[in-house]
N, C-alpha and C. Protein backbone atom coordinates (compact mmCIF):
# COMPACT_ATOMS: atom_id res chain seq x y z
N MET A 1 -26.17 179.63 -47.60
CA MET A 1 -26.31 180.58 -46.46
C MET A 1 -25.63 180.10 -45.16
N LYS A 2 -25.68 178.79 -45.05
CA LYS A 2 -25.04 178.22 -43.97
C LYS A 2 -23.69 178.51 -43.76
N GLU A 3 -23.04 178.67 -45.04
CA GLU A 3 -21.41 178.86 -44.81
C GLU A 3 -20.95 180.26 -44.67
N TRP A 4 -21.75 181.24 -44.85
CA TRP A 4 -21.38 182.86 -44.74
C TRP A 4 -22.48 183.66 -43.92
N TYR A 5 -23.55 183.16 -43.53
CA TYR A 5 -24.56 183.90 -42.82
C TYR A 5 -24.28 183.76 -41.55
N PHE A 6 -25.55 183.57 -40.78
CA PHE A 6 -25.52 183.31 -39.11
C PHE A 6 -25.39 181.80 -38.89
N ASP A 7 -24.95 181.36 -37.94
CA ASP A 7 -24.71 179.79 -37.67
C ASP A 7 -25.90 179.35 -37.58
N LEU A 8 -26.31 178.82 -38.83
CA LEU A 8 -27.44 178.12 -39.14
C LEU A 8 -27.29 176.69 -39.13
N GLN A 9 -28.09 175.81 -38.45
CA GLN A 9 -28.00 174.53 -38.31
C GLN A 9 -28.45 173.78 -39.77
N GLU A 10 -29.37 174.50 -40.27
CA GLU A 10 -29.95 173.73 -41.51
C GLU A 10 -30.73 174.87 -42.28
N PHE A 11 -30.47 175.06 -43.47
CA PHE A 11 -31.12 176.11 -44.44
C PHE A 11 -31.66 175.55 -45.56
N LYS A 12 -32.64 175.89 -46.06
CA LYS A 12 -33.34 175.45 -47.37
C LYS A 12 -34.14 176.59 -48.20
N ALA A 13 -33.91 176.96 -49.13
CA ALA A 13 -34.44 178.05 -49.91
C ALA A 13 -35.82 177.54 -50.43
N GLU A 14 -36.63 177.06 -49.46
CA GLU A 14 -37.91 176.52 -49.77
C GLU A 14 -39.08 177.21 -49.19
N LYS A 15 -40.13 177.72 -49.65
CA LYS A 15 -41.12 178.27 -48.90
C LYS A 15 -41.74 177.53 -47.93
N GLY A 16 -41.93 177.98 -46.67
CA GLY A 16 -42.36 177.45 -45.54
C GLY A 16 -41.42 176.68 -44.72
N PHE A 17 -40.29 176.78 -45.05
CA PHE A 17 -39.02 176.49 -44.26
C PHE A 17 -38.57 177.24 -43.13
N THR A 18 -38.64 176.75 -41.92
CA THR A 18 -38.40 177.60 -40.76
C THR A 18 -36.76 177.37 -40.51
N PHE A 19 -36.30 178.45 -39.97
CA PHE A 19 -34.84 178.41 -39.47
C PHE A 19 -34.73 179.09 -38.24
N LYS A 20 -33.83 178.90 -37.32
CA LYS A 20 -33.45 179.70 -36.24
C LYS A 20 -32.04 179.91 -36.07
N PHE A 21 -31.61 180.92 -35.30
CA PHE A 21 -30.37 180.89 -34.91
C PHE A 21 -30.22 181.99 -33.66
N ASN A 22 -29.03 182.15 -33.00
CA ASN A 22 -28.80 182.97 -31.91
C ASN A 22 -28.02 184.38 -32.42
N GLY A 23 -28.56 185.36 -31.94
CA GLY A 23 -27.89 186.49 -32.30
C GLY A 23 -28.04 187.71 -31.29
N GLY A 24 -27.19 188.79 -31.57
CA GLY A 24 -27.39 189.84 -30.53
C GLY A 24 -26.30 190.52 -30.42
N PRO A 25 -26.35 191.53 -29.71
CA PRO A 25 -24.85 192.42 -29.67
C PRO A 25 -23.92 191.67 -29.12
N GLU A 26 -22.70 192.01 -29.39
CA GLU A 26 -21.55 191.25 -29.02
C GLU A 26 -21.43 191.31 -27.40
N THR A 27 -21.67 192.24 -26.74
CA THR A 27 -21.63 192.28 -25.29
C THR A 27 -23.09 192.18 -24.47
N GLY A 28 -24.12 191.84 -25.34
CA GLY A 28 -25.46 191.91 -24.61
C GLY A 28 -26.03 190.59 -24.44
N PRO A 29 -27.22 190.50 -24.36
CA PRO A 29 -28.01 189.28 -24.33
C PRO A 29 -27.91 188.49 -25.68
N VAL A 30 -28.32 187.31 -25.68
CA VAL A 30 -28.54 186.39 -26.74
C VAL A 30 -29.98 186.36 -27.16
N TYR A 31 -30.36 186.52 -28.31
CA TYR A 31 -31.74 186.44 -28.81
C TYR A 31 -31.84 185.30 -29.71
N VAL A 32 -33.01 184.71 -29.67
CA VAL A 32 -33.37 183.58 -30.61
C VAL A 32 -34.25 184.15 -31.75
N ASP A 33 -33.35 184.15 -32.86
CA ASP A 33 -34.14 184.69 -34.13
C ASP A 33 -34.99 183.69 -34.76
N ILE A 34 -36.06 183.92 -35.25
CA ILE A 34 -36.96 182.91 -35.72
C ILE A 34 -37.29 183.28 -37.18
N CYS A 35 -37.05 182.51 -38.38
CA CYS A 35 -37.44 183.01 -39.66
C CYS A 35 -37.91 182.03 -40.48
N GLU A 36 -38.84 182.30 -41.45
CA GLU A 36 -39.66 181.43 -42.24
C GLU A 36 -39.43 181.85 -43.63
N VAL A 37 -39.12 181.28 -44.61
CA VAL A 37 -39.24 181.52 -46.16
C VAL A 37 -40.48 181.62 -46.49
N THR A 38 -40.87 182.82 -46.92
CA THR A 38 -42.12 183.09 -47.68
C THR A 38 -42.15 183.03 -49.34
N GLU A 39 -40.79 183.18 -49.62
CA GLU A 39 -40.76 183.21 -51.27
C GLU A 39 -39.31 182.54 -51.61
N ALA A 40 -39.28 181.78 -52.66
CA ALA A 40 -37.92 181.32 -53.23
C ALA A 40 -38.16 181.23 -54.61
N ILE A 41 -37.34 181.90 -55.34
CA ILE A 41 -37.22 181.88 -56.76
C ILE A 41 -35.81 181.43 -57.09
N PRO A 42 -35.58 180.45 -57.46
CA PRO A 42 -34.04 179.92 -57.69
C PRO A 42 -33.33 180.90 -58.38
N GLU A 43 -32.10 181.61 -57.82
CA GLU A 43 -31.30 182.14 -58.59
C GLU A 43 -31.88 183.74 -58.88
N LYS A 44 -33.01 184.18 -58.18
CA LYS A 44 -33.60 185.32 -58.45
C LYS A 44 -34.10 186.31 -57.20
N LYS A 45 -34.62 185.21 -56.17
CA LYS A 45 -35.50 185.83 -55.02
C LYS A 45 -35.44 185.03 -54.05
N LEU A 46 -35.19 185.56 -52.77
CA LEU A 46 -35.59 184.87 -51.44
C LEU A 46 -36.10 186.02 -50.55
N THR A 47 -37.31 185.48 -49.92
CA THR A 47 -37.72 186.45 -48.83
C THR A 47 -38.14 185.47 -47.57
N TYR A 48 -37.73 186.16 -46.62
CA TYR A 48 -38.22 185.44 -45.21
C TYR A 48 -38.72 186.20 -44.22
N SER A 49 -39.56 185.85 -43.44
CA SER A 49 -40.02 186.67 -42.10
C SER A 49 -38.91 186.53 -41.12
N TRP A 50 -38.63 187.49 -40.23
CA TRP A 50 -37.59 187.46 -39.02
C TRP A 50 -38.27 188.04 -37.95
N ARG A 51 -38.45 187.35 -36.82
CA ARG A 51 -39.18 187.94 -35.60
C ARG A 51 -38.09 187.28 -34.40
N TYR A 52 -38.32 187.89 -33.41
CA TYR A 52 -37.53 187.43 -32.21
C TYR A 52 -38.44 186.77 -31.20
N GLU A 53 -37.97 185.48 -30.84
CA GLU A 53 -38.62 184.82 -29.85
C GLU A 53 -39.07 185.54 -28.40
N GLY A 54 -40.40 185.82 -28.17
CA GLY A 54 -40.58 186.40 -27.06
C GLY A 54 -40.82 187.93 -26.90
N PHE A 55 -40.56 188.28 -28.28
CA PHE A 55 -40.82 189.76 -28.63
C PHE A 55 -42.11 190.10 -29.67
N PRO A 56 -42.57 191.28 -29.44
CA PRO A 56 -43.47 191.58 -30.57
C PRO A 56 -43.00 191.87 -31.83
N GLY A 57 -43.65 191.84 -33.01
CA GLY A 57 -43.25 192.54 -34.26
C GLY A 57 -42.50 191.27 -35.19
N ASN A 58 -42.69 191.59 -36.32
CA ASN A 58 -42.28 190.79 -37.39
C ASN A 58 -41.63 191.65 -38.73
N THR A 59 -40.40 191.04 -39.16
CA THR A 59 -39.83 191.80 -40.21
C THR A 59 -39.57 191.03 -41.52
N TYR A 60 -39.37 191.28 -42.40
CA TYR A 60 -39.28 190.64 -43.84
C TYR A 60 -37.98 191.06 -44.44
N VAL A 61 -37.17 190.08 -44.80
CA VAL A 61 -35.81 190.26 -45.50
C VAL A 61 -35.89 189.59 -47.06
N THR A 62 -35.37 190.32 -48.06
CA THR A 62 -35.55 189.94 -49.32
C THR A 62 -34.14 190.16 -49.95
N TRP A 63 -33.77 189.21 -50.55
CA TRP A 63 -32.64 189.25 -51.33
C TRP A 63 -32.89 189.00 -52.78
N GLU A 64 -32.69 189.92 -53.65
CA GLU A 64 -32.95 189.82 -54.92
C GLU A 64 -31.59 189.91 -55.91
N LEU A 65 -31.54 188.90 -56.78
CA LEU A 65 -30.50 188.90 -57.82
C LEU A 65 -30.67 189.22 -59.17
N GLN A 66 -30.03 190.07 -59.78
CA GLN A 66 -30.34 190.49 -61.22
C GLN A 66 -28.97 190.42 -62.05
N PRO A 67 -28.90 190.06 -63.21
CA PRO A 67 -27.91 190.10 -64.12
C PRO A 67 -27.47 191.56 -64.40
N LYS A 68 -26.24 191.78 -64.36
CA LYS A 68 -25.79 193.18 -64.82
C LYS A 68 -24.52 192.81 -65.65
N GLY A 69 -24.58 192.52 -66.81
CA GLY A 69 -23.28 192.25 -67.67
C GLY A 69 -22.90 190.88 -67.23
N ASP A 70 -21.51 191.04 -66.94
CA ASP A 70 -20.82 189.80 -66.47
C ASP A 70 -21.16 189.56 -65.29
N ASP A 71 -21.55 190.40 -64.37
CA ASP A 71 -21.92 190.26 -62.83
C ASP A 71 -23.27 190.07 -62.41
N THR A 72 -23.56 190.16 -61.16
CA THR A 72 -24.84 190.06 -60.67
C THR A 72 -25.20 191.06 -59.63
N LEU A 73 -26.33 191.68 -59.73
CA LEU A 73 -26.55 192.75 -58.78
C LEU A 73 -27.32 192.36 -57.62
N LEU A 74 -26.98 192.43 -56.59
CA LEU A 74 -27.56 191.98 -55.34
C LEU A 74 -28.49 193.38 -54.54
N THR A 75 -29.66 193.17 -54.59
CA THR A 75 -30.69 193.97 -53.69
C THR A 75 -31.23 193.48 -52.43
N LEU A 76 -30.70 194.10 -51.30
CA LEU A 76 -31.24 193.62 -49.99
C LEU A 76 -32.34 194.33 -49.64
N THR A 77 -33.37 194.05 -49.06
CA THR A 77 -34.53 195.00 -48.62
C THR A 77 -34.70 194.24 -47.19
N HIS A 78 -34.75 195.14 -46.17
CA HIS A 78 -35.36 194.49 -44.91
C HIS A 78 -36.43 195.43 -44.29
N ILE A 79 -37.74 194.92 -44.39
CA ILE A 79 -38.90 195.83 -43.99
C ILE A 79 -39.39 195.38 -42.67
N GLY A 80 -40.24 196.46 -42.10
CA GLY A 80 -40.92 196.05 -40.80
C GLY A 80 -40.02 196.22 -39.50
N LEU A 81 -38.90 197.03 -39.77
CA LEU A 81 -38.33 197.24 -38.47
C LEU A 81 -38.95 197.94 -37.33
N GLU A 82 -39.82 198.82 -37.94
CA GLU A 82 -40.52 199.60 -36.89
C GLU A 82 -41.42 198.78 -36.02
N THR A 83 -41.68 197.45 -36.36
CA THR A 83 -42.61 196.71 -35.69
C THR A 83 -41.90 196.04 -34.38
N ILE A 84 -40.53 195.95 -34.62
CA ILE A 84 -39.78 195.56 -33.36
C ILE A 84 -38.86 196.61 -32.53
N ALA A 85 -38.80 197.83 -33.27
CA ALA A 85 -38.05 198.76 -32.50
C ALA A 85 -38.61 199.09 -31.10
N PRO A 86 -39.81 198.95 -30.78
CA PRO A 86 -40.28 199.16 -29.33
C PRO A 86 -39.61 198.19 -28.52
N ALA A 87 -39.05 197.11 -28.77
CA ALA A 87 -38.73 196.06 -27.92
C ALA A 87 -37.28 196.44 -27.43
N GLY A 88 -36.88 197.42 -27.60
CA GLY A 88 -35.42 198.22 -27.13
C GLY A 88 -34.43 198.63 -28.05
N PRO A 89 -33.34 199.02 -27.53
CA PRO A 89 -32.43 199.54 -28.33
C PRO A 89 -31.59 198.58 -29.01
N ASP A 90 -31.49 197.28 -28.70
CA ASP A 90 -30.91 196.25 -29.42
C ASP A 90 -31.65 196.04 -30.79
N PHE A 91 -32.83 196.37 -30.80
CA PHE A 91 -33.55 196.22 -32.27
C PHE A 91 -33.79 197.50 -32.88
N ALA A 92 -32.82 198.60 -32.76
CA ALA A 92 -32.76 199.72 -33.63
C ALA A 92 -32.30 199.50 -34.94
N ALA A 93 -32.84 200.26 -35.91
CA ALA A 93 -32.59 199.94 -37.46
C ALA A 93 -30.88 199.98 -37.70
N ASP A 94 -30.28 201.17 -36.95
CA ASP A 94 -28.93 201.07 -37.42
C ASP A 94 -28.11 199.92 -36.83
N ASN A 95 -28.47 199.00 -35.94
CA ASN A 95 -27.84 197.91 -35.57
C ASN A 95 -27.95 196.88 -36.88
N PHE A 96 -29.36 196.64 -37.37
CA PHE A 96 -29.39 195.91 -38.53
C PHE A 96 -28.60 196.53 -39.83
N LYS A 97 -28.46 197.62 -39.98
CA LYS A 97 -27.79 198.30 -40.90
C LYS A 97 -26.29 197.89 -40.73
N ASP A 98 -25.69 198.05 -39.80
CA ASP A 98 -24.32 197.60 -39.47
C ASP A 98 -24.24 196.02 -39.72
N GLY A 99 -25.00 195.24 -39.41
CA GLY A 99 -25.01 193.85 -39.55
C GLY A 99 -25.11 193.39 -41.11
N TRP A 100 -26.26 194.17 -41.85
CA TRP A 100 -26.25 193.98 -43.24
C TRP A 100 -24.84 194.24 -43.94
N ASN A 101 -24.39 195.45 -43.58
CA ASN A 101 -23.12 196.03 -44.33
C ASN A 101 -22.14 194.78 -44.10
N HIS A 102 -21.99 194.36 -43.08
CA HIS A 102 -20.74 193.15 -42.70
C HIS A 102 -21.26 191.75 -43.66
N PHE A 103 -22.42 191.51 -43.79
CA PHE A 103 -22.73 190.34 -44.46
C PHE A 103 -22.69 190.55 -46.03
N VAL A 104 -23.06 191.62 -46.39
CA VAL A 104 -23.15 191.98 -47.97
C VAL A 104 -21.85 192.31 -48.33
N ASN A 105 -20.96 193.10 -47.68
CA ASN A 105 -19.69 193.74 -48.15
C ASN A 105 -18.59 192.85 -47.57
N LYS A 106 -18.70 192.08 -46.69
CA LYS A 106 -17.54 191.26 -46.13
C LYS A 106 -17.74 189.98 -46.30
N ALA A 107 -18.72 189.38 -45.33
CA ALA A 107 -18.99 187.80 -45.32
C ALA A 107 -19.20 187.06 -46.64
N LEU A 108 -20.27 187.69 -47.49
CA LEU A 108 -20.64 187.19 -48.60
C LEU A 108 -19.52 187.27 -49.82
N PRO A 109 -18.88 188.48 -49.86
CA PRO A 109 -17.68 188.37 -50.82
C PRO A 109 -16.46 187.50 -50.40
N ALA A 110 -16.35 187.36 -49.43
CA ALA A 110 -15.30 186.46 -48.75
C ALA A 110 -15.54 185.10 -49.15
N TYR A 111 -16.78 184.55 -49.05
CA TYR A 111 -17.35 183.42 -49.21
C TYR A 111 -17.31 183.13 -50.92
N LEU A 112 -17.64 184.17 -51.59
CA LEU A 112 -17.51 183.95 -52.99
C LEU A 112 -16.06 183.63 -53.61
N GLU A 113 -15.32 184.67 -52.96
CA GLU A 113 -13.78 184.54 -53.62
C GLU A 113 -13.21 183.11 -53.16
N ARG A 114 -13.72 182.66 -51.85
CA ARG A 114 -12.89 181.20 -51.47
C ARG A 114 -13.65 180.05 -52.48
N ASN A 115 -14.74 180.32 -52.86
CA ASN A 115 -15.52 179.18 -53.86
C ASN A 115 -15.72 179.48 -55.26
N GLN A 116 -14.73 180.30 -55.66
CA GLN A 116 -14.76 180.61 -57.01
C GLN A 116 -14.45 179.46 -57.94
N PRO A 117 -15.16 179.01 -59.06
CA PRO A 117 -14.77 177.89 -59.72
C PRO A 117 -13.50 178.11 -60.66
N ALA A 118 -12.61 177.04 -60.62
CA ALA A 118 -11.29 177.08 -61.22
C ALA A 118 -11.49 177.68 -62.68
N LYS A 119 -10.77 178.53 -63.24
CA LYS A 119 -10.79 178.80 -64.72
C LYS A 119 -10.13 178.03 -65.72
């Protein structure tokens, strides 16, 4: 995740591991995002809490991998957005949808393409 997700100084898929990064709209304020891994099943599932320093609310992001023939199906779930939405328009669900579309449909596939094992 350090290579294709947010600018993470460190990341470990281990329950209890906390990581932080800065985020926010391109032309707006910078927010400190604080996450803690709550579940990690190697090559199957990763869940972490996600909140913003100084703001109410807490969300949970889950990445699940399932074999599908020769491919892998990725299911991404982000719940609890209603708990942070009252903090303002930067925390609207549509903003997260746009971000997840970028990471799942652009950043992750580009990373996988660059790091494919030689055949």
